[in-house]
Amino acid sequence: MKVEELFDQVDIQGRANLLWEHGELITTIDYYNQKVTLYLIGRFYAELYYNPHLNKIVRIEKCSHLSLNKFLKTIKVNPV
């Protein structure tokens, strides 16, 4: 089974495990009192939302094209 298909079928703990095993950390930002970490996993991007006040990961989901906009200021692309 492909990572993307598996990601869609598992709960938050399963998604966290997939990120740790297969994900590449891209960047982390502060966003509305949460830390949001962007990962590349397989052929898609995923966001992990961590609430430091609760000391808890509150959600992990696929990142839409619109959702990527909040990360643009922190991503640097080097020329090839």
N, C-alpha and C. Protein backbone atom coordinates (compact mmCIF):
# COMPACT_ATOMS: atom_id res chain seq x y z
N MET A 1 0.85 -1.18 0.00
CA MET A 1 0.00 0.00 0.00
C MET A 1 0.89 1.24 0.00
N LYS A 2 0.52 2.25 -0.78
CA LYS A 2 1.28 3.49 -0.86
C LYS A 2 1.11 4.29 0.43
N VAL A 3 2.13 5.09 0.74
CA VAL A 3 2.11 5.90 1.95
C VAL A 3 0.90 6.84 1.96
N GLU A 4 0.58 7.43 0.81
CA GLU A 4 -0.54 8.36 0.74
C GLU A 4 -1.87 7.67 1.05
N GLU A 5 -2.06 6.48 0.54
CA GLU A 5 -3.28 5.72 0.83
C GLU A 5 -3.35 5.35 2.31
N LEU A 6 -2.24 4.93 2.86
CA LEU A 6 -2.18 4.56 4.26
C LEU A 6 -2.44 5.78 5.15
N PHE A 7 -1.86 6.93 4.79
CA PHE A 7 -2.06 8.17 5.54
C PHE A 7 -3.55 8.51 5.65
N ASP A 8 -4.28 8.30 4.58
CA ASP A 8 -5.72 8.61 4.57
C ASP A 8 -6.53 7.67 5.46
N GLN A 9 -5.99 6.51 5.77
CA GLN A 9 -6.76 5.49 6.48
C GLN A 9 -6.47 5.39 7.97
N VAL A 10 -5.38 6.00 8.43
CA VAL A 10 -4.98 5.82 9.82
C VAL A 10 -5.38 7.02 10.68
N ASP A 11 -5.36 6.82 12.00
CA ASP A 11 -5.69 7.88 12.94
C ASP A 11 -4.48 8.79 13.14
N ILE A 12 -4.60 9.75 14.06
CA ILE A 12 -3.54 10.73 14.28
C ILE A 12 -2.23 10.07 14.72
N GLN A 13 -2.30 9.03 15.54
CA GLN A 13 -1.08 8.33 15.96
C GLN A 13 -0.42 7.63 14.77
N GLY A 14 -1.22 7.01 13.92
CA GLY A 14 -0.69 6.37 12.72
C GLY A 14 -0.06 7.37 11.78
N ARG A 15 -0.69 8.54 11.65
CA ARG A 15 -0.14 9.59 10.80
C ARG A 15 1.19 10.09 11.36
N ALA A 16 1.25 10.26 12.68
CA ALA A 16 2.50 10.69 13.31
C ALA A 16 3.61 9.67 13.03
N ASN A 17 3.30 8.40 13.16
CA ASN A 17 4.29 7.35 12.88
C ASN A 17 4.76 7.41 11.43
N LEU A 18 3.84 7.64 10.51
CA LEU A 18 4.23 7.75 9.10
C LEU A 18 5.14 8.94 8.87
N LEU A 19 4.85 10.08 9.53
CA LEU A 19 5.71 11.24 9.38
C LEU A 19 7.10 10.96 9.91
N TRP A 20 7.20 10.32 11.06
CA TRP A 20 8.51 10.05 11.66
C TRP A 20 9.31 9.08 10.77
N GLU A 21 8.61 8.09 10.20
CA GLU A 21 9.30 7.06 9.42
C GLU A 21 9.59 7.49 7.98
N HIS A 22 8.67 8.22 7.35
CA HIS A 22 8.78 8.50 5.92
C HIS A 22 8.84 9.98 5.57
N GLY A 23 8.58 10.85 6.54
CA GLY A 23 8.50 12.27 6.24
C GLY A 23 9.83 12.98 6.29
N GLU A 24 9.90 14.04 5.51
CA GLU A 24 11.07 14.93 5.51
C GLU A 24 10.60 16.28 6.04
N LEU A 25 11.13 16.70 7.17
CA LEU A 25 10.75 17.97 7.77
C LEU A 25 11.20 19.12 6.87
N ILE A 26 10.27 20.00 6.51
CA ILE A 26 10.58 21.13 5.65
C ILE A 26 10.78 22.40 6.47
N THR A 27 9.81 22.73 7.31
CA THR A 27 9.89 23.94 8.13
C THR A 27 8.84 23.90 9.23
N THR A 28 9.03 24.75 10.23
CA THR A 28 8.05 24.92 11.30
C THR A 28 7.76 26.40 11.47
N ILE A 29 6.49 26.74 11.65
CA ILE A 29 6.09 28.13 11.86
C ILE A 29 5.20 28.25 13.09
N ASP A 30 5.12 29.46 13.64
CA ASP A 30 4.13 29.78 14.66
C ASP A 30 2.89 30.26 13.93
N TYR A 31 1.75 29.69 14.29
CA TYR A 31 0.51 30.00 13.58
C TYR A 31 -0.65 29.93 14.58
N TYR A 32 -1.21 31.08 14.90
CA TYR A 32 -2.33 31.16 15.85
C TYR A 32 -2.08 30.36 17.12
N ASN A 33 -0.99 30.69 17.80
CA ASN A 33 -0.62 30.07 19.08
C ASN A 33 -0.33 28.58 18.99
N GLN A 34 -0.04 28.10 17.79
CA GLN A 34 0.34 26.71 17.60
C GLN A 34 1.64 26.67 16.80
N LYS A 35 2.33 25.57 16.90
CA LYS A 35 3.48 25.29 16.04
C LYS A 35 2.97 24.39 14.93
N VAL A 36 3.20 24.80 13.69
CA VAL A 36 2.77 23.99 12.56
C VAL A 36 4.01 23.57 11.79
N THR A 37 4.19 22.28 11.64
CA THR A 37 5.36 21.74 10.96
C THR A 37 4.92 21.15 9.63
N LEU A 38 5.64 21.55 8.58
CA LEU A 38 5.36 21.06 7.23
C LEU A 38 6.33 19.93 6.91
N TYR A 39 5.77 18.82 6.45
CA TYR A 39 6.55 17.65 6.04
C TYR A 39 6.25 17.30 4.59
N LEU A 40 7.26 16.81 3.91
CA LEU A 40 7.07 16.16 2.63
C LEU A 40 7.07 14.67 2.90
N ILE A 41 6.01 14.01 2.48
CA ILE A 41 5.90 12.57 2.72
C ILE A 41 5.40 11.93 1.42
N GLY A 42 6.25 11.15 0.82
CA GLY A 42 5.91 10.59 -0.48
C GLY A 42 5.79 11.71 -1.50
N ARG A 43 4.60 11.83 -2.10
CA ARG A 43 4.38 12.84 -3.13
C ARG A 43 3.42 13.93 -2.68
N PHE A 44 3.27 14.10 -1.37
CA PHE A 44 2.37 15.14 -0.86
C PHE A 44 2.98 15.78 0.38
N TYR A 45 2.41 16.90 0.76
CA TYR A 45 2.82 17.61 1.97
C TYR A 45 1.79 17.38 3.06
N ALA A 46 2.27 17.32 4.29
CA ALA A 46 1.39 17.15 5.45
C ALA A 46 1.75 18.20 6.49
N GLU A 47 0.75 18.62 7.26
CA GLU A 47 0.94 19.59 8.33
C GLU A 47 0.67 18.91 9.66
N LEU A 48 1.57 19.14 10.61
CA LEU A 48 1.39 18.66 11.97
C LEU A 48 1.18 19.90 12.84
N TYR A 49 0.04 19.95 13.54
CA TYR A 49 -0.31 21.07 14.41
C TYR A 49 -0.05 20.65 15.86
N TYR A 50 0.83 21.41 16.52
CA TYR A 50 1.18 21.15 17.92
C TYR A 50 0.76 22.35 18.76
N ASN A 51 0.00 22.09 19.81
CA ASN A 51 -0.42 23.13 20.73
C ASN A 51 0.48 23.09 21.96
N PRO A 52 1.38 24.08 22.12
CA PRO A 52 2.31 24.04 23.25
C PRO A 52 1.62 24.23 24.60
N HIS A 53 0.48 24.91 24.62
CA HIS A 53 -0.24 25.10 25.89
C HIS A 53 -0.82 23.78 26.41
N LEU A 54 -1.23 22.94 25.48
CA LEU A 54 -1.75 21.62 25.84
C LEU A 54 -0.67 20.55 25.85
N ASN A 55 0.51 20.91 25.28
CA ASN A 55 1.61 19.96 25.10
C ASN A 55 1.11 18.73 24.35
N LYS A 56 0.45 19.00 23.21
CA LYS A 56 -0.22 17.92 22.49
C LYS A 56 -0.26 18.22 20.99
N ILE A 57 -0.08 17.17 20.20
CA ILE A 57 -0.34 17.27 18.76
C ILE A 57 -1.85 17.22 18.60
N VAL A 58 -2.42 18.27 17.99
CA VAL A 58 -3.87 18.35 17.91
C VAL A 58 -4.44 17.89 16.58
N ARG A 59 -3.62 17.91 15.52
CA ARG A 59 -4.08 17.34 14.25
C ARG A 59 -2.91 17.18 13.29
N ILE A 60 -3.10 16.25 12.38
CA ILE A 60 -2.15 16.01 11.29
C ILE A 60 -3.00 15.78 10.06
N GLU A 61 -2.74 16.56 9.01
CA GLU A 61 -3.55 16.44 7.80
C GLU A 61 -2.73 16.76 6.57
N LYS A 62 -3.26 16.36 5.42
CA LYS A 62 -2.64 16.73 4.15
C LYS A 62 -2.73 18.23 3.99
N CYS A 63 -1.74 18.78 3.35
CA CYS A 63 -1.66 20.22 3.15
C CYS A 63 -2.19 20.56 1.75
N SER A 64 -3.18 21.44 1.70
CA SER A 64 -3.71 21.88 0.41
C SER A 64 -2.79 22.95 -0.19
N HIS A 65 -3.00 23.25 -1.45
CA HIS A 65 -2.20 24.29 -2.11
C HIS A 65 -2.37 25.63 -1.39
N LEU A 66 -3.58 25.95 -1.00
CA LEU A 66 -3.83 27.21 -0.30
C LEU A 66 -3.15 27.23 1.06
N SER A 67 -3.14 26.11 1.72
CA SER A 67 -2.54 26.02 3.04
C SER A 67 -1.02 26.21 2.99
N LEU A 68 -0.42 25.91 1.86
CA LEU A 68 1.03 26.08 1.72
C LEU A 68 1.45 27.55 1.81
N ASN A 69 0.53 28.47 1.50
CA ASN A 69 0.87 29.89 1.50
C ASN A 69 1.44 30.37 2.82
N LYS A 70 0.96 29.84 3.93
CA LYS A 70 1.44 30.30 5.23
C LYS A 70 2.92 29.95 5.47
N PHE A 71 3.46 29.04 4.69
CA PHE A 71 4.86 28.63 4.86
C PHE A 71 5.83 29.36 3.93
N LEU A 72 5.32 30.11 2.96
CA LEU A 72 6.17 30.68 1.92
C LEU A 72 7.30 31.56 2.44
N LYS A 73 7.06 32.31 3.49
CA LYS A 73 8.10 33.21 4.01
C LYS A 73 9.28 32.45 4.63
N THR A 74 9.08 31.21 4.98
CA THR A 74 10.13 30.46 5.67
C THR A 74 10.87 29.48 4.77
N ILE A 75 10.41 29.31 3.55
CA ILE A 75 11.03 28.34 2.64
C ILE A 75 11.97 29.07 1.69
N LYS A 76 13.20 28.58 1.64
CA LYS A 76 14.19 29.14 0.72
C LYS A 76 14.52 28.09 -0.33
N VAL A 77 14.53 28.53 -1.57
CA VAL A 77 14.87 27.62 -2.68
C VAL A 77 16.21 28.04 -3.22
N ASN A 78 17.14 27.11 -3.23
CA ASN A 78 18.48 27.39 -3.76
C ASN A 78 18.51 27.14 -5.26
N PRO A 79 19.21 27.95 -6.01
CA PRO A 79 19.33 27.70 -7.45
C PRO A 79 20.05 26.39 -7.70
N VAL A 80 19.71 25.76 -8.79
CA VAL A 80 20.31 24.47 -9.13
C VAL A 80 21.63 24.67 -9.79
